[in-house]
Amino acid sequence: MTNALIHFAVGTAGAFVVFLVFERLAGVTRFSMPFGLFFVGVACASGSHYVSPWATPAILLLYTLVSASEFQQDRAAAKAAAEKKKDS
């Protein structure tokens, strides 16, 4: 049980750090913490309990990759919108 609680805390804190990094890169100044970070923590706790302790870094890596992909998509959409507005 202690192992699961530790992995829940590490997973939630790690996901929050990833969230903060990408929000900072996006230039967001005001936000509220998304509830989804707790799901990452639960996934880390479950993975560490049922699969392997290495599930926590793997889940955090997946969350980081998804966040980076979303960040790139947002940048591409903003760039396309700026070019469209410039052409008008």
Protein backbone atom coordinates (compact mmCIF):
# COMPACT_ATOMS: atom_id res chain seq x y z
CA MET A 1 0.00 0.00 0.00
CA THR A 2 2.82 2.38 0.81
CA ASN A 3 4.39 1.67 -2.55
CA ALA A 4 1.17 2.63 -4.34
CA LEU A 5 0.84 5.85 -2.32
CA ILE A 6 4.43 6.82 -3.12
CA HIS A 7 3.89 6.19 -6.83
CA PHE A 8 0.60 8.10 -6.73
CA ALA A 9 2.35 11.11 -5.18
CA VAL A 10 5.32 10.92 -7.56
CA GLY A 11 3.04 10.45 -10.57
CA THR A 12 0.78 13.34 -9.65
CA ALA A 13 3.70 15.66 -8.84
CA GLY A 14 5.55 14.65 -11.99
CA ALA A 15 2.48 15.21 -14.14
CA PHE A 16 1.99 18.61 -12.50
CA VAL A 17 5.58 19.58 -13.31
CA VAL A 18 5.10 18.50 -16.95
CA PHE A 19 1.86 20.47 -17.06
CA LEU A 20 3.55 23.57 -15.66
CA VAL A 21 6.43 23.36 -18.14
CA PHE A 22 4.16 23.20 -21.17
CA GLU A 23 1.80 25.85 -19.84
CA ARG A 24 4.80 28.14 -19.32
CA LEU A 25 6.05 27.43 -22.85
CA ALA A 26 2.59 28.24 -24.18
CA GLY A 27 2.65 31.59 -22.39
CA VAL A 28 -0.34 30.93 -20.16
CA THR A 29 -0.29 33.19 -17.13
CA ARG A 30 -3.44 32.08 -15.30
CA PHE A 31 -4.76 28.55 -15.05
CA SER A 32 -6.25 26.01 -12.71
CA MET A 33 -4.77 22.58 -12.20
CA PRO A 34 -6.62 20.05 -14.35
CA PHE A 35 -8.32 17.14 -12.64
CA GLY A 36 -6.72 14.78 -15.17
CA LEU A 37 -3.44 14.91 -13.28
CA PHE A 38 -5.01 12.79 -10.58
CA PHE A 39 -5.80 10.16 -13.21
CA VAL A 40 -2.11 10.09 -14.09
CA GLY A 41 -1.35 9.58 -10.39
CA VAL A 42 -3.88 6.75 -10.14
CA ALA A 43 -2.44 5.15 -13.29
CA CYS A 44 1.06 5.36 -11.79
CA ALA A 45 -0.10 3.83 -8.50
CA SER A 46 -1.98 1.04 -10.26
CA GLY A 47 0.85 0.37 -12.66
CA SER A 48 3.42 0.19 -9.89
CA HIS A 49 1.25 -2.15 -7.86
CA TYR A 50 0.11 -4.53 -10.60
CA VAL A 51 2.81 -4.28 -13.28
CA SER A 52 6.17 -2.90 -12.20
CA PRO A 53 7.65 0.07 -10.37
CA TRP A 54 8.98 1.14 -13.78
CA ALA A 55 5.42 1.86 -14.86
CA THR A 56 5.55 5.29 -13.20
CA PRO A 57 8.41 6.68 -15.34
CA ALA A 58 6.85 5.09 -18.42
CA ILE A 59 3.47 6.72 -17.74
CA LEU A 60 5.12 10.09 -17.07
CA LEU A 61 7.09 9.76 -20.31
CA LEU A 62 3.88 9.06 -22.22
CA TYR A 63 2.21 12.07 -20.59
CA THR A 64 5.19 14.23 -21.55
CA LEU A 65 5.08 13.03 -25.15
CA VAL A 66 1.34 13.70 -25.41
CA SER A 67 1.79 17.16 -23.90
CA ALA A 68 4.63 17.95 -26.32
CA SER A 69 2.52 16.81 -29.27
CA GLU A 70 -0.39 18.96 -28.13
CA PHE A 71 1.95 21.92 -27.68
CA GLN A 72 3.29 21.50 -31.24
CA GLN A 73 -0.25 21.27 -32.63
CA ASP A 74 -1.26 24.45 -30.79
CA ARG A 75 1.79 26.29 -32.13
CA ALA A 76 1.06 25.13 -35.69
CA ALA A 77 -2.59 26.19 -35.40
CA ALA A 78 -1.64 29.59 -34.00
CA LYS A 79 0.88 30.10 -36.79
CA ALA A 80 -1.68 29.15 -39.44
CA ALA A 81 -4.26 31.48 -37.90
CA ALA A 82 -1.74 34.35 -37.83
CA GLU A 83 -0.84 33.80 -41.49
CA LYS A 84 -4.53 33.61 -42.45
CA LYS A 85 -5.24 36.83 -40.59
CA LYS A 86 -2.21 38.48 -42.21
CA ASP A 87 -3.42 37.48 -45.70
CA SER A 88 -6.90 38.91 -45.10
